[in-house]
Amino acid sequence: MKRDLMDILACPVCKGPLDLRVEEENDEEIVTGSLFCAACIETYPITETIPNLLPPQLRTAP
């Protein structure tokens, strides 16, 4: 995920701001980490550079 996406991303449930938590990053993008919504107390994973912004009830287990 490119850091620039943080300018346009919002929580899919409440449309609130998301906090970025980086676990692994290379020169170009975030490889693994998560996006956290403080309003919903929900975490959205970033896996292999792809943020999973599906609402929690629609996600499948990895």
C-alpha atoms as a PDB file:
ATOM      1  CA  MET A   1       0.000   0.000   0.000  1.00  0.00           C
ATOM      2  CA  LYS A   2       1.363   3.408  -0.889  1.00  0.00           C
ATOM      3  CA  ARG A   3       1.493   5.939   1.966  1.00  0.00           C
ATOM      4  CA  ASP A   4      -0.283   8.467  -0.285  1.00  0.00           C
ATOM      5  CA  LEU A   5      -3.486   6.423   0.065  1.00  0.00           C
ATOM      6  CA  MET A   6      -3.796   7.620   3.673  1.00  0.00           C
ATOM      7  CA  ASP A   7      -4.977  10.974   2.261  1.00  0.00           C
ATOM      8  CA  ILE A   8      -8.122   9.370   0.835  1.00  0.00           C
ATOM      9  CA  LEU A   9      -8.800   6.272   2.972  1.00  0.00           C
ATOM     10  CA  ALA A  10     -11.532   6.276   5.615  1.00  0.00           C
ATOM     11  CA  CYS A  11     -13.141   3.634   7.798  1.00  0.00           C
ATOM     12  CA  PRO A  12     -15.642   1.679   5.678  1.00  0.00           C
ATOM     13  CA  VAL A  13     -18.043   1.406   8.624  1.00  0.00           C
ATOM     14  CA  CYS A  14     -18.178   4.912  10.128  1.00  0.00           C
ATOM     15  CA  LYS A  15     -16.201   6.930   7.525  1.00  0.00           C
ATOM     16  CA  GLY A  16     -13.852   8.100  10.296  1.00  0.00           C
ATOM     17  CA  PRO A  17     -10.072   8.575  10.027  1.00  0.00           C
ATOM     18  CA  LEU A  18      -7.730   5.597  10.076  1.00  0.00           C
ATOM     19  CA  ASP A  19      -4.382   5.351  11.880  1.00  0.00           C
ATOM     20  CA  LEU A  20      -1.595   3.566  10.034  1.00  0.00           C
ATOM     21  CA  ARG A  21       0.428   0.926  11.917  1.00  0.00           C
ATOM     22  CA  VAL A  22       3.399  -0.328   9.880  1.00  0.00           C
ATOM     23  CA  GLU A  23       5.021  -3.720  10.515  1.00  0.00           C
ATOM     24  CA  GLU A  24       7.088  -4.000   7.313  1.00  0.00           C
ATOM     25  CA  GLU A  25       7.870  -1.387   4.685  1.00  0.00           C
ATOM     26  CA  ASN A  26      10.157  -1.199   1.669  1.00  0.00           C
ATOM     27  CA  ASP A  27      11.316   1.839  -0.332  1.00  0.00           C
ATOM     28  CA  GLU A  28       8.041   2.059  -2.251  1.00  0.00           C
ATOM     29  CA  GLU A  29       5.177   0.863  -0.059  1.00  0.00           C
ATOM     30  CA  ILE A  30       3.889  -0.698   3.132  1.00  0.00           C
ATOM     31  CA  VAL A  31       4.112  -4.481   2.880  1.00  0.00           C
ATOM     32  CA  THR A  32       2.382  -5.492   6.127  1.00  0.00           C
ATOM     33  CA  GLY A  33       0.644  -3.622   8.905  1.00  0.00           C
ATOM     34  CA  SER A  34      -2.828  -2.425   9.728  1.00  0.00           C
ATOM     35  CA  LEU A  35      -5.251   0.473   9.621  1.00  0.00           C
ATOM     36  CA  PHE A  36      -7.014   1.236  12.906  1.00  0.00           C
ATOM     37  CA  CYS A  37     -10.278   3.128  13.424  1.00  0.00           C
ATOM     38  CA  ALA A  38     -10.453   4.565  16.952  1.00  0.00           C
ATOM     39  CA  ALA A  39     -14.173   5.350  16.599  1.00  0.00           C
ATOM     40  CA  CYS A  40     -15.173   1.757  15.744  1.00  0.00           C
ATOM     41  CA  ILE A  41     -12.304   0.086  17.604  1.00  0.00           C
ATOM     42  CA  GLU A  42     -11.740  -1.936  14.431  1.00  0.00           C
ATOM     43  CA  THR A  43      -8.501  -2.981  12.742  1.00  0.00           C
ATOM     44  CA  TYR A  44      -8.120  -3.555   9.005  1.00  0.00           C
ATOM     45  CA  PRO A  45      -5.081  -5.634   7.970  1.00  0.00           C
ATOM     46  CA  ILE A  46      -2.533  -4.790   5.286  1.00  0.00           C
ATOM     47  CA  THR A  47      -1.152  -8.015   3.801  1.00  0.00           C
ATOM     48  CA  GLU A  48       1.306  -8.247   0.908  1.00  0.00           C
ATOM     49  CA  THR A  49       0.804  -4.494   0.217  1.00  0.00           C
ATOM     50  CA  ILE A  50      -3.012  -4.806  -0.003  1.00  0.00           C
ATOM     51  CA  PRO A  51      -5.276  -3.203   2.608  1.00  0.00           C
ATOM     52  CA  ASN A  52      -8.379  -5.266   3.413  1.00  0.00           C
ATOM     53  CA  LEU A  53     -11.070  -2.665   4.009  1.00  0.00           C
ATOM     54  CA  LEU A  54     -14.009  -5.039   4.018  1.00  0.00           C
ATOM     55  CA  PRO A  55     -16.281  -4.574   7.028  1.00  0.00           C
ATOM     56  CA  PRO A  56     -15.457  -7.185   9.709  1.00  0.00           C
ATOM     57  CA  GLN A  57     -18.568  -9.298   9.105  1.00  0.00           C
ATOM     58  CA  LEU A  58     -17.646  -9.715   5.413  1.00  0.00           C
ATOM     59  CA  ARG A  59     -14.020 -10.809   5.878  1.00  0.00           C
ATOM     60  CA  THR A  60     -13.029 -14.430   5.533  1.00  0.00           C
ATOM     61  CA  ALA A  61     -10.440 -16.024   7.765  1.00  0.00           C
ATOM     62  CA  PRO A  62      -6.986 -16.336   6.142  1.00  0.00           C
END
